């Protein structure tokens, strides 16, 4: 089994892309999804969030939800809205968000490589979410949500992607959020083989986003392998839908924190204790950290710039030296008493796409006592954690722009 391979993608017929393409299933709540499908009968949300076609309050994990998703997929194929590629192909995929551009490859990635940790993870999965994706894939007999992977930038792969994407795109859609999605179908056998060989030469790929989808694909592959006495390893279920970008084109935004209270401390006592681990300086402007080890803190209507004391940064531990870990280990746990940010409802996480004004808004509302702005985790730091076989702390990375659903699906 190769690390990646071309596949016969299922995608919108020419002219229907704008009707079909939708935001990822997991970036919105049910009410938002219902609003987005109003007047859009071919939106991919009818497949990825099929509860929108059932009564409000329906359990999103109920069997009828998955069944409705399959029914909607079959209908869109029968009506010719979605068509399957006749030739195994790769798909060059470009995302443009303002001035930021990233170009990668949509491919089928090996579940065997995932199981052997050649496709490296950096997060734990939640059983309920993983089980949901297993039922989704099994019922649809397809993978419709791509796993976001990263490869170490290499001249061979980068060069092919750039040459192919210099031509006219086969699909060009600008979503409601202003992000442009372009797709080039690559079926030339020579170029397909060159890309396959280029990826095969890599030591590893890295999961950036989509840990539940990749884990679910691995489980489905294992179950189908065990149930298939004629298993060869070439079956589609041995591969999962992915989009793979070079590491140096990634845009990781800050993932900030807000905390409900000061754990019984008054403002002065809290600031005094913070100064035990950080250099503290009041700022007359919102603080957007410019380097690792620097933080912004918004408290009682004022901004502060925090710089962690250098001796508190471990150099030989790729997890402990992350900015999210330094804040957690030197302030959030010892001073604010939050030892398990994954489960403690006294802390919440705010994606950097919302800006620093969102932190001010939350604290000024009185519902939250203090907010922290962080320097974004770098792709190199993420890869170092994965290479060490370690796990990132919760809410360490916020990737933008997001991949679209409905551009291409992988049939099993």
Protein backbone atom coordinates (compact mmCIF):
# COMPACT_ATOMS: atom_id res chain seq x y z
CA UNK A 1 0.00 0.00 0.00
CA UNK A 2 1.36 3.42 -0.94
CA UNK A 3 1.18 6.33 1.48
CA UNK A 4 -1.34 8.08 -0.79
CA UNK A 5 -3.09 7.24 -4.03
CA UNK A 6 -5.39 8.75 -6.63
CA UNK A 7 -9.10 7.92 -6.47
CA UNK A 8 -12.35 8.28 -8.40
CA UNK A 9 -13.74 11.31 -6.61
CA UNK A 10 -17.43 12.14 -6.33
CA UNK A 11 -17.88 15.86 -6.93
CA UNK A 12 -20.45 18.44 -8.08
CA UNK A 13 -21.23 18.49 -11.78
CA UNK A 14 -19.95 21.58 -13.58
CA UNK A 15 -22.12 24.58 -12.79
CA UNK A 16 -23.51 23.21 -9.50
CA UNK A 17 -20.48 23.77 -7.29
CA UNK A 18 -21.91 26.88 -5.67
CA UNK A 19 -25.13 25.04 -4.87
CA UNK A 20 -23.33 22.16 -3.20
CA UNK A 21 -20.18 23.31 -1.39
CA UNK A 22 -20.72 23.94 2.33
CA UNK A 23 -18.72 24.76 5.47
CA UNK A 24 -17.31 21.81 7.45
CA UNK A 25 -19.98 19.94 9.40
CA UNK A 26 -18.35 20.64 12.77
CA UNK A 27 -17.94 24.43 12.70
CA UNK A 28 -21.58 25.29 13.33
CA UNK A 29 -24.47 24.38 15.60
CA UNK A 30 -27.77 22.92 14.43
CA UNK A 31 -29.55 26.28 14.27
CA UNK A 32 -26.80 27.73 12.09
CA UNK A 33 -26.89 24.69 9.82
CA UNK A 34 -30.66 24.95 9.43
CA UNK A 35 -30.34 28.61 8.49
CA UNK A 36 -27.66 27.83 5.89
CA UNK A 37 -29.80 25.25 4.06
CA UNK A 38 -32.80 27.56 3.69
CA UNK A 39 -33.55 27.70 -0.03
CA UNK A 40 -30.56 25.48 -0.82
CA UNK A 41 -31.84 21.97 -1.59
CA UNK A 42 -28.45 20.79 -2.90
CA UNK A 43 -26.30 22.08 -0.05
CA UNK A 44 -23.89 19.40 1.14
CA UNK A 45 -25.15 20.08 4.65
CA UNK A 46 -28.09 17.82 3.78
CA UNK A 47 -25.49 15.03 3.75
CA UNK A 48 -23.05 16.20 6.43
CA UNK A 49 -25.70 17.55 8.85
CA UNK A 50 -28.85 15.61 7.84
CA UNK A 51 -30.64 16.47 11.08
CA UNK A 52 -31.55 19.73 9.29
CA UNK A 53 -34.16 17.68 7.39
CA UNK A 54 -35.66 16.18 10.55
CA UNK A 55 -37.68 17.80 13.35
CA UNK A 56 -35.82 20.20 15.61
CA UNK A 57 -34.48 18.51 18.70
CA UNK A 58 -33.75 15.22 16.91
CA UNK A 59 -30.79 13.44 18.48
CA UNK A 60 -27.94 14.03 15.99
CA UNK A 61 -26.66 10.52 16.75
CA UNK A 62 -30.01 8.80 16.10
CA UNK A 63 -30.06 6.08 13.39
CA UNK A 64 -32.57 8.04 11.32
CA UNK A 65 -30.10 10.93 11.03
CA UNK A 66 -27.44 8.76 9.39
CA UNK A 67 -30.08 7.11 7.21
CA UNK A 68 -31.34 10.50 6.02
CA UNK A 69 -27.76 11.47 5.12
CA UNK A 70 -27.46 8.36 2.93
CA UNK A 71 -30.84 9.05 1.36
CA UNK A 72 -29.77 12.62 0.52
CA UNK A 73 -26.45 11.43 -0.93
CA UNK A 74 -28.21 8.87 -3.13
CA UNK A 75 -30.69 11.51 -4.29
CA UNK A 76 -27.97 13.97 -5.28
CA UNK A 77 -26.21 11.25 -7.28
CA UNK A 78 -29.46 10.10 -8.92
CA UNK A 79 -30.32 13.69 -9.89
CA UNK A 80 -26.89 14.18 -11.46
CA UNK A 81 -25.85 16.91 -9.03
CA UNK A 82 -22.90 14.78 -7.90
CA UNK A 83 -20.94 12.72 -10.43
CA UNK A 84 -18.06 10.30 -9.98
CA UNK A 85 -14.76 10.71 -11.79
CA UNK A 86 -14.19 8.04 -14.44
CA UNK A 87 -10.41 8.03 -13.98
CA UNK A 88 -8.50 7.75 -10.69
CA UNK A 89 -7.32 11.28 -10.04
CA UNK A 90 -5.61 13.57 -7.62
CA UNK A 91 -7.12 17.00 -6.98
CA UNK A 92 -4.97 20.08 -6.51
CA UNK A 93 -6.79 22.27 -3.98
CA UNK A 94 -6.10 25.94 -3.35
CA UNK A 95 -7.53 28.03 -0.51
CA UNK A 96 -7.36 31.83 -0.63
CA UNK A 97 -8.31 33.87 2.44
CA UNK A 98 -7.46 37.53 2.00
CA UNK A 99 -3.72 37.68 1.32
CA UNK A 100 -3.14 34.13 2.51
CA UNK A 101 -2.88 31.37 -0.12
CA UNK A 102 -2.17 27.68 0.40
CA UNK A 103 -2.09 24.96 -2.26
CA UNK A 104 -2.26 21.26 -1.45
CA UNK A 105 -3.37 17.90 -2.78
CA UNK A 106 -6.62 16.06 -2.21
CA UNK A 107 -5.75 12.36 -2.11
CA UNK A 108 -6.69 9.05 -0.53
CA UNK A 109 -4.31 8.38 2.38
CA UNK A 110 -3.43 4.94 3.70
CA UNK A 111 -5.12 3.68 6.87
CA UNK A 112 -2.23 1.23 7.24
CA UNK A 113 0.21 4.16 7.33
CA UNK A 114 -2.06 5.80 9.91
CA UNK A 115 -2.11 2.64 12.04
CA UNK A 116 1.69 2.35 11.82
CA UNK A 117 2.10 6.02 12.83
CA UNK A 118 3.59 7.05 9.51
CA UNK A 119 0.65 9.45 9.51
CA UNK A 120 1.25 11.06 12.88
CA UNK A 121 -1.35 12.32 15.35
CA UNK A 122 -1.10 14.93 18.09
CA UNK A 123 -4.53 14.84 19.79
CA UNK A 124 -6.67 12.46 21.78
CA UNK A 125 -10.11 11.67 20.34
CA UNK A 126 -13.42 11.64 22.19
CA UNK A 127 -15.22 8.26 21.92
CA UNK A 128 -18.65 9.78 21.20
CA UNK A 129 -17.27 11.87 18.33
CA UNK A 130 -15.24 9.00 16.91
CA UNK A 131 -18.24 6.64 17.08
CA UNK A 132 -20.31 9.27 15.24
CA UNK A 133 -17.83 9.39 12.35
CA UNK A 134 -17.72 5.58 12.18
CA UNK A 135 -21.50 5.41 11.79
CA UNK A 136 -21.40 8.28 9.29
CA UNK A 137 -18.80 6.56 7.05
CA UNK A 138 -20.44 3.15 7.35
CA UNK A 139 -23.92 4.41 6.50
CA UNK A 140 -22.85 6.65 3.62
CA UNK A 141 -20.32 4.07 2.39
CA UNK A 142 -18.21 7.14 1.73
CA UNK A 143 -15.89 9.61 3.39
CA UNK A 144 -17.26 13.09 2.79
CA UNK A 145 -15.23 15.17 5.25
CA UNK A 146 -11.52 15.37 4.37
CA UNK A 147 -8.80 14.95 6.98
CA UNK A 148 -6.44 17.94 6.98
CA UNK A 149 -2.89 16.62 6.67
CA UNK A 150 0.49 18.34 6.37
CA UNK A 151 3.66 17.19 4.62
CA UNK A 152 7.18 18.58 5.08
CA UNK A 153 7.55 20.89 2.11
CA UNK A 154 9.54 19.25 -0.68
CA UNK A 155 10.52 20.62 -4.07
CA UNK A 156 9.18 17.69 -6.11
CA UNK A 157 5.64 17.84 -4.73
CA UNK A 158 5.49 21.61 -4.38
CA UNK A 159 6.64 22.07 -7.96
CA UNK A 160 3.97 19.81 -9.44
CA UNK A 161 1.22 21.48 -7.42
CA UNK A 162 2.31 24.92 -8.53
CA UNK A 163 2.54 23.93 -12.22
CA UNK A 164 -0.89 22.30 -12.24
CA UNK A 165 -2.54 25.20 -10.41
CA UNK A 166 -1.15 27.71 -12.90
CA UNK A 167 -3.85 26.60 -15.35
CA UNK A 168 -7.61 27.15 -15.40
CA UNK A 169 -9.30 25.62 -12.37
CA UNK A 170 -11.94 22.93 -12.89
CA UNK A 171 -13.87 24.25 -9.93
CA UNK A 172 -13.81 27.78 -8.50
CA UNK A 173 -16.14 28.72 -5.65
CA UNK A 174 -16.06 31.63 -3.23
CA UNK A 175 -17.90 30.72 -0.04
CA UNK A 176 -20.09 33.03 2.00
CA UNK A 177 -17.20 33.75 4.37
CA UNK A 178 -15.14 35.10 1.46
CA UNK A 179 -12.74 32.15 1.26
CA UNK A 180 -12.03 31.06 -2.31
CA UNK A 181 -11.84 27.33 -3.07
CA UNK A 182 -10.21 26.25 -6.35
CA UNK A 183 -9.80 22.69 -7.59
CA UNK A 184 -7.79 21.21 -10.46
CA UNK A 185 -8.45 17.61 -11.52
CA UNK A 186 -5.16 15.80 -12.11
CA UNK A 187 -5.57 12.51 -14.01
CA UNK A 188 -2.43 12.53 -16.16
CA UNK A 189 -0.87 9.15 -15.35
CA UNK A 190 2.70 10.45 -15.43
CA UNK A 191 2.02 13.28 -13.01
CA UNK A 192 -0.13 11.03 -10.82
CA UNK A 193 2.77 8.58 -10.52
CA UNK A 194 5.25 11.38 -9.85
CA UNK A 195 3.13 12.63 -6.96
CA UNK A 196 2.61 9.13 -5.59
CA UNK A 197 6.38 8.56 -5.69
CA UNK A 198 7.04 11.98 -4.17
CA UNK A 199 4.85 11.24 -1.16
CA UNK A 200 6.22 7.71 -0.86
CA UNK A 201 9.68 9.22 -0.37
CA UNK A 202 8.52 11.14 2.72
CA UNK A 203 9.10 9.80 6.20
CA UNK A 204 5.72 10.92 7.50
CA UNK A 205 2.58 12.99 7.15
CA UNK A 206 0.96 14.86 10.06
CA UNK A 207 -2.70 15.22 11.03
CA UNK A 208 -3.40 18.93 11.41
CA UNK A 209 -7.18 18.67 11.84
CA UNK A 210 -9.55 15.72 11.59
CA UNK A 211 -8.35 13.30 14.27
CA UNK A 212 -11.85 11.88 14.73
CA UNK A 213 -12.32 11.37 10.98
CA UNK A 214 -8.97 9.62 10.53
CA UNK A 215 -9.46 7.42 13.61
CA UNK A 216 -12.93 6.49 12.37
CA UNK A 217 -11.61 5.64 8.90
CA UNK A 218 -9.05 3.34 10.48
CA UNK A 219 -11.75 1.58 12.51
CA UNK A 220 -14.00 1.13 9.48
CA UNK A 221 -11.07 -0.27 7.47
CA UNK A 222 -10.29 -2.77 10.24
CA UNK A 223 -13.89 -3.91 10.52
CA UNK A 224 -14.29 -4.33 6.76
CA UNK A 225 -10.98 -6.14 6.44
CA UNK A 226 -12.03 -8.63 9.10
CA UNK A 227 -15.39 -9.16 7.40
CA UNK A 228 -13.89 -9.64 3.92
CA UNK A 229 -12.25 -13.05 3.35
CA UNK A 230 -11.05 -11.84 -0.07
CA UNK A 231 -9.33 -8.75 1.34
CA UNK A 232 -6.36 -7.61 -0.78
CA UNK A 233 -5.43 -4.21 0.65
CA UNK A 234 -6.43 -2.44 -2.55
CA UNK A 235 -10.04 -1.85 -1.52
CA UNK A 236 -11.13 1.76 -1.17
CA UNK A 237 -11.84 1.26 2.53
CA UNK A 238 -8.08 0.95 3.08
CA UNK A 239 -7.69 4.66 2.31
CA UNK A 240 -9.28 7.83 3.66
CA UNK A 241 -10.12 11.20 2.14
CA UNK A 242 -7.48 13.81 2.89
CA UNK A 243 -6.15 17.18 1.81
CA UNK A 244 -2.38 17.50 2.27
CA UNK A 245 -0.67 20.91 2.42
CA UNK A 246 3.04 21.78 2.70
CA UNK A 247 3.95 22.71 6.25
CA UNK A 248 5.34 26.12 5.30
CA UNK A 249 2.02 27.33 3.86
CA UNK A 250 -0.04 26.68 6.97
CA UNK A 251 -1.77 29.53 8.78
CA UNK A 252 -2.22 28.74 12.46
CA UNK A 253 -4.00 31.44 14.44
CA UNK A 254 -3.86 32.02 18.17
CA UNK A 255 -6.20 29.99 20.38
CA UNK A 256 -6.96 32.21 23.36
CA UNK A 257 -8.36 31.57 26.83
CA UNK A 258 -10.96 33.12 29.13
CA UNK A 259 -11.48 32.15 32.78
CA UNK A 260 -14.61 32.77 34.85
CA UNK A 261 -13.03 33.87 38.14
CA UNK A 262 -9.73 34.52 39.91
CA UNK A 263 -9.99 31.44 42.14
CA UNK A 264 -10.76 33.48 45.27
CA UNK A 265 -7.98 36.03 44.72
CA UNK A 266 -8.53 39.77 44.48
CA UNK A 267 -6.99 41.66 41.56
CA UNK A 268 -3.92 42.88 43.45
CA UNK A 269 -3.10 39.47 44.94
CA UNK A 270 -3.58 37.81 41.56
CA UNK A 271 -1.24 40.26 39.79
CA UNK A 272 1.34 39.80 42.55
CA UNK A 273 1.29 36.03 42.11
CA UNK A 274 1.44 36.27 38.32
CA UNK A 275 4.64 38.29 38.72
CA UNK A 276 6.23 35.26 40.34
CA UNK A 277 6.48 33.50 36.98
CA UNK A 278 6.09 36.33 34.45
CA UNK A 279 7.39 39.81 33.84
CA UNK A 280 4.22 41.94 34.00
CA UNK A 281 3.81 45.27 32.23
CA UNK A 282 0.56 47.23 31.88
CA UNK A 283 -0.29 48.20 28.28
CA UNK A 284 -2.47 51.00 26.97
CA UNK A 285 -3.21 48.88 23.87
CA UNK A 286 -4.60 45.36 23.38
CA UNK A 287 -1.70 42.90 23.48
CA UNK A 288 -1.25 40.56 20.52
CA UNK A 289 1.87 38.53 21.37
CA UNK A 290 4.68 38.92 18.85
CA UNK A 291 6.84 35.99 19.93
CA UNK A 292 6.76 32.75 21.85
CA UNK A 293 6.76 33.17 25.63
CA UNK A 294 4.77 36.41 25.43
CA UNK A 295 1.10 36.75 26.43
CA UNK A 296 -1.60 39.36 26.63
CA UNK A 297 -3.84 39.47 29.69
CA UNK A 298 -7.09 41.43 29.92
CA UNK A 299 -8.26 42.03 33.48
CA UNK A 300 -10.70 44.55 34.94
CA UNK A 301 -10.70 46.74 31.82
CA UNK A 302 -6.90 46.82 31.42
CA UNK A 303 -4.41 44.99 29.23
CA UNK A 304 -1.11 43.60 30.51
CA UNK A 305 1.86 42.16 28.66
CA UNK A 306 3.27 39.02 30.26
CA UNK A 307 6.63 37.43 29.46
CA UNK A 308 7.36 34.07 31.03
CA UNK A 309 10.60 33.88 32.97
CA UNK A 310 13.12 32.13 30.66
CA UNK A 311 14.20 29.63 33.28
CA UNK A 312 10.67 28.24 33.30
CA UNK A 313 10.90 27.15 29.64
CA UNK A 314 12.06 23.52 29.37
CA UNK A 315 14.18 23.07 26.25
CA UNK A 316 14.05 19.28 26.00
CA UNK A 317 10.28 18.73 26.21
CA UNK A 318 8.32 19.56 23.01
CA UNK A 319 5.00 19.63 24.88
CA UNK A 320 6.00 21.48 28.04
CA UNK A 321 7.70 24.27 26.06
CA UNK A 322 4.57 25.07 24.03
CA UNK A 323 3.08 28.48 24.82
CA UNK A 324 -0.24 26.87 25.77
CA UNK A 325 1.60 24.57 28.21
CA UNK A 326 3.67 27.36 29.75
CA UNK A 327 0.52 29.37 30.46
CA UNK A 328 -1.29 26.33 31.81
CA UNK A 329 1.58 25.10 33.99
CA UNK A 330 2.70 28.48 35.36
CA UNK A 331 -0.58 30.37 35.75
CA UNK A 332 -3.86 28.68 34.90
CA UNK A 333 -3.32 25.60 37.06
CA UNK A 334 -1.28 26.93 40.03
CA UNK A 335 -3.04 30.30 40.37
CA UNK A 336 -6.52 29.75 38.92
CA UNK A 337 -6.93 26.14 40.04
CA UNK A 338 -7.82 24.66 36.64
CA UNK A 339 -5.95 21.37 36.34
CA UNK A 340 -8.03 19.79 33.57
CA UNK A 341 -8.88 22.41 30.94
CA UNK A 342 -10.44 19.68 28.80
CA UNK A 343 -13.31 19.26 31.25
CA UNK A 344 -13.36 22.29 33.59
CA UNK A 345 -16.23 24.65 32.72
CA UNK A 346 -14.44 27.59 34.36
CA UNK A 347 -12.30 27.96 31.23
CA UNK A 348 -13.28 28.53 27.62
CA UNK A 349 -11.33 28.87 24.39
CA UNK A 350 -11.67 31.62 21.78
CA UNK A 351 -10.32 31.17 18.26
CA UNK A 352 -8.03 33.94 17.08
CA UNK A 353 -10.25 34.51 14.05
CA UNK A 354 -12.56 36.38 16.46
CA UNK A 355 -9.91 38.92 17.38
CA UNK A 356 -8.86 40.45 20.68
CA UNK A 357 -12.08 42.42 20.87
CA UNK A 358 -13.90 39.17 21.60
CA UNK A 359 -11.76 38.71 24.70
CA UNK A 360 -12.58 42.23 25.88
CA UNK A 361 -16.26 41.66 25.19
CA UNK A 362 -16.39 38.50 27.29
CA UNK A 363 -14.58 39.97 30.27
CA UNK A 364 -16.45 43.30 30.11
CA UNK A 365 -19.75 41.37 30.17
CA UNK A 366 -18.95 40.22 33.70
CA UNK A 367 -19.39 36.54 32.76
CA UNK A 368 -15.60 36.05 32.65
CA UNK A 369 -12.94 37.52 34.92
CA UNK A 370 -9.75 37.36 32.89
CA UNK A 371 -8.65 36.63 29.32
CA UNK A 372 -5.32 35.60 27.83
CA UNK A 373 -4.07 36.11 24.27
CA UNK A 374 -1.39 33.69 23.06
CA UNK A 375 1.22 33.49 20.34
CA UNK A 376 0.09 30.92 17.74
CA UNK A 377 1.56 27.43 17.93
CA UNK A 378 3.92 26.94 15.01
CA UNK A 379 3.70 24.07 12.55
CA UNK A 380 7.25 23.09 13.48
CA UNK A 381 6.23 22.82 17.15
CA UNK A 382 3.24 20.65 16.25
CA UNK A 383 5.43 18.35 14.14
CA UNK A 384 7.97 18.08 16.96
CA UNK A 385 5.24 16.92 19.36
CA UNK A 386 3.95 14.37 16.85
CA UNK A 387 7.47 13.12 16.08
CA UNK A 388 8.01 12.55 19.80
CA UNK A 389 4.82 10.50 19.97
CA UNK A 390 3.32 12.99 22.39
CA UNK A 391 -0.07 14.71 22.53
CA UNK A 392 -0.80 18.42 22.31
CA UNK A 393 -2.74 20.12 25.13
CA UNK A 394 -6.39 20.80 24.30
CA UNK A 395 -7.15 23.75 22.02
CA UNK A 396 -3.56 24.33 20.96
CA UNK A 397 -4.12 25.14 17.28
CA UNK A 398 -6.68 27.02 15.23
CA UNK A 399 -6.18 26.51 11.50
CA UNK A 400 -7.55 29.01 9.00
CA UNK A 401 -8.93 28.88 6.41
CA UNK A 402 -11.13 25.83 6.87
CA UNK A 403 -11.58 23.13 4.24
CA UNK A 404 -14.94 22.98 2.47
CA UNK A 405 -17.26 19.96 2.49
CA UNK A 406 -18.72 18.70 -0.76
CA UNK A 407 -15.85 19.52 -3.11
CA UNK A 408 -14.82 15.87 -3.47
CA UNK A 409 -15.95 12.72 -1.63
CA UNK A 410 -14.29 9.30 -1.47
CA UNK A 411 -16.59 6.34 -2.11
CA UNK A 412 -15.79 3.04 -0.37
